Amino acid sequence: MLLFRWAILLLLLVAGVCFAFYAATGQVKYRRIGWVVLKWTLLAALGFFAVLIAERVA
């Protein structure tokens, strides 16, 4: 579980760095990469927490 938390934190940091690169350079590719990383990170986190909630309920 600790590994998953660190992975989510690292991916959120990567998305933040991509958005910072976009703000600094204005290149759209960094914004696109940041949105993709953020989207999949949030989906993975929601799935992980859904499994944790399902285990606690059952």
N, C-alpha and C. Protein backbone atom coordinates (compact mmCIF):
# COMPACT_ATOMS: atom_id res chain seq x y z
N MET A 1 0.83 -1.18 0.00
CA MET A 1 0.00 0.00 0.00
C MET A 1 0.88 1.25 0.00
N LEU A 2 1.97 1.19 0.72
CA LEU A 2 2.87 2.34 0.76
C LEU A 2 3.45 2.61 -0.62
N LEU A 3 3.76 1.56 -1.34
CA LEU A 3 4.30 1.71 -2.69
C LEU A 3 3.29 2.40 -3.60
N PHE A 4 2.01 2.03 -3.48
CA PHE A 4 0.98 2.64 -4.30
C PHE A 4 0.82 4.12 -3.98
N ARG A 5 0.90 4.46 -2.71
CA ARG A 5 0.79 5.87 -2.32
C ARG A 5 1.94 6.68 -2.90
N TRP A 6 3.14 6.13 -2.84
CA TRP A 6 4.29 6.83 -3.41
C TRP A 6 4.17 6.97 -4.91
N ALA A 7 3.64 5.93 -5.57
CA ALA A 7 3.47 5.99 -7.03
C ALA A 7 2.47 7.09 -7.40
N ILE A 8 1.38 7.19 -6.66
CA ILE A 8 0.39 8.24 -6.93
C ILE A 8 1.01 9.61 -6.70
N LEU A 9 1.75 9.77 -5.62
CA LEU A 9 2.40 11.04 -5.33
C LEU A 9 3.39 11.41 -6.43
N LEU A 10 4.17 10.44 -6.88
CA LEU A 10 5.14 10.70 -7.93
C LEU A 10 4.45 11.08 -9.24
N LEU A 11 3.38 10.39 -9.60
CA LEU A 11 2.67 10.72 -10.83
C LEU A 11 2.00 12.09 -10.76
N LEU A 12 1.47 12.46 -9.60
CA LEU A 12 0.92 13.81 -9.45
C LEU A 12 2.01 14.86 -9.57
N LEU A 13 3.20 14.55 -9.06
CA LEU A 13 4.32 15.46 -9.20
C LEU A 13 4.73 15.60 -10.67
N VAL A 14 4.73 14.49 -11.40
CA VAL A 14 5.05 14.53 -12.83
C VAL A 14 4.04 15.40 -13.58
N ALA A 15 2.76 15.24 -13.27
CA ALA A 15 1.75 16.06 -13.92
C ALA A 15 1.97 17.55 -13.59
N GLY A 16 2.30 17.85 -12.36
CA GLY A 16 2.58 19.23 -11.98
C GLY A 16 3.78 19.81 -12.71
N VAL A 17 4.81 19.00 -12.88
CA VAL A 17 5.99 19.45 -13.62
C VAL A 17 5.64 19.69 -15.08
N CYS A 18 4.82 18.83 -15.66
CA CYS A 18 4.39 19.03 -17.05
C CYS A 18 3.62 20.34 -17.19
N PHE A 19 2.73 20.63 -16.25
CA PHE A 19 1.99 21.89 -16.32
C PHE A 19 2.91 23.09 -16.11
N ALA A 20 3.93 22.93 -15.27
CA ALA A 20 4.89 24.01 -15.09
C ALA A 20 5.69 24.25 -16.37
N PHE A 21 6.07 23.16 -17.05
CA PHE A 21 6.77 23.31 -18.33
C PHE A 21 5.87 24.00 -19.35
N TYR A 22 4.58 23.66 -19.34
CA TYR A 22 3.65 24.32 -20.25
C TYR A 22 3.57 25.82 -19.95
N ALA A 23 3.50 26.15 -18.68
CA ALA A 23 3.41 27.56 -18.30
C ALA A 23 4.68 28.32 -18.68
N ALA A 24 5.81 27.64 -18.60
CA ALA A 24 7.08 28.31 -18.89
C ALA A 24 7.34 28.42 -20.39
N THR A 25 6.98 27.37 -21.14
CA THR A 25 7.34 27.35 -22.56
C THR A 25 6.18 27.66 -23.49
N GLY A 26 4.97 27.38 -23.06
CA GLY A 26 3.81 27.59 -23.91
C GLY A 26 3.58 26.48 -24.93
N GLN A 27 4.36 25.40 -24.84
CA GLN A 27 4.19 24.28 -25.76
C GLN A 27 3.02 23.41 -25.31
N VAL A 28 2.10 23.17 -26.23
CA VAL A 28 0.86 22.47 -25.91
C VAL A 28 1.12 21.00 -25.55
N LYS A 29 2.21 20.42 -26.03
CA LYS A 29 2.47 19.01 -25.76
C LYS A 29 2.63 18.74 -24.27
N TYR A 30 3.18 19.69 -23.52
CA TYR A 30 3.34 19.49 -22.08
C TYR A 30 1.99 19.51 -21.37
N ARG A 31 1.08 20.36 -21.80
CA ARG A 31 -0.26 20.39 -21.20
C ARG A 31 -0.98 19.09 -21.49
N ARG A 32 -0.87 18.59 -22.72
CA ARG A 32 -1.53 17.35 -23.11
C ARG A 32 -0.99 16.17 -22.29
N ILE A 33 0.32 16.10 -22.14
CA ILE A 33 0.93 15.02 -21.35
C ILE A 33 0.50 15.14 -19.89
N GLY A 34 0.47 16.36 -19.37
CA GLY A 34 0.05 16.57 -17.98
C GLY A 34 -1.38 16.11 -17.74
N TRP A 35 -2.29 16.42 -18.68
CA TRP A 35 -3.68 15.99 -18.52
C TRP A 35 -3.81 14.48 -18.58
N VAL A 36 -3.07 13.84 -19.47
CA VAL A 36 -3.14 12.37 -19.59
C VAL A 36 -2.63 11.71 -18.31
N VAL A 37 -1.50 12.19 -17.80
CA VAL A 37 -0.94 11.62 -16.57
C VAL A 37 -1.89 11.86 -15.41
N LEU A 38 -2.44 13.06 -15.31
CA LEU A 38 -3.36 13.37 -14.22
C LEU A 38 -4.63 12.52 -14.30
N LYS A 39 -5.18 12.37 -15.50
CA LYS A 39 -6.41 11.59 -15.67
C LYS A 39 -6.20 10.14 -15.24
N TRP A 40 -5.16 9.50 -15.72
CA TRP A 40 -4.94 8.10 -15.39
C TRP A 40 -4.52 7.91 -13.93
N THR A 41 -3.83 8.88 -13.36
CA THR A 41 -3.48 8.80 -11.95
C THR A 41 -4.73 8.86 -11.08
N LEU A 42 -5.63 9.78 -11.40
CA LEU A 42 -6.87 9.89 -10.62
C LEU A 42 -7.76 8.66 -10.78
N LEU A 43 -7.82 8.12 -11.99
CA LEU A 43 -8.61 6.90 -12.20
C LEU A 43 -8.03 5.73 -11.42
N ALA A 44 -6.72 5.59 -11.42
CA ALA A 44 -6.08 4.51 -10.67
C ALA A 44 -6.30 4.70 -9.17
N ALA A 45 -6.21 5.93 -8.69
CA ALA A 45 -6.41 6.19 -7.26
C ALA A 45 -7.86 5.90 -6.86
N LEU A 46 -8.81 6.30 -7.69
CA LEU A 46 -10.22 6.00 -7.38
C LEU A 46 -10.47 4.50 -7.36
N GLY A 47 -9.88 3.78 -8.29
CA GLY A 47 -10.02 2.33 -8.31
C GLY A 47 -9.41 1.69 -7.07
N PHE A 48 -8.25 2.17 -6.67
CA PHE A 48 -7.58 1.64 -5.48
C PHE A 48 -8.42 1.87 -4.23
N PHE A 49 -8.94 3.08 -4.09
CA PHE A 49 -9.73 3.37 -2.90
C PHE A 49 -11.09 2.67 -2.94
N ALA A 50 -11.62 2.42 -4.13
CA ALA A 50 -12.85 1.64 -4.23
C ALA A 50 -12.63 0.21 -3.74
N VAL A 51 -11.48 -0.36 -4.05
CA VAL A 51 -11.15 -1.70 -3.56
C VAL A 51 -11.01 -1.68 -2.05
N LEU A 52 -10.36 -0.66 -1.50
CA LEU A 52 -10.22 -0.58 -0.05
C LEU A 52 -11.58 -0.45 0.64
N ILE A 53 -12.46 0.35 0.09
CA ILE A 53 -13.80 0.51 0.67
C ILE A 53 -14.58 -0.79 0.57
N ALA A 54 -14.47 -1.47 -0.58
CA ALA A 54 -15.18 -2.74 -0.75
C ALA A 54 -14.68 -3.79 0.23
N GLU A 55 -13.39 -3.82 0.51
CA GLU A 55 -12.86 -4.76 1.50
C GLU A 55 -13.39 -4.45 2.89
N ARG A 56 -13.50 -3.17 3.20
CA ARG A 56 -13.96 -2.80 4.55
C ARG A 56 -15.45 -3.10 4.73
N VAL A 57 -16.23 -2.95 3.67
CA VAL A 57 -17.67 -3.21 3.74
C VAL A 57 -17.95 -4.70 3.86
N ALA A 58 -17.20 -5.49 3.09
CA ALA A 58 -17.45 -6.94 3.05
C ALA A 58 -16.96 -7.66 4.27
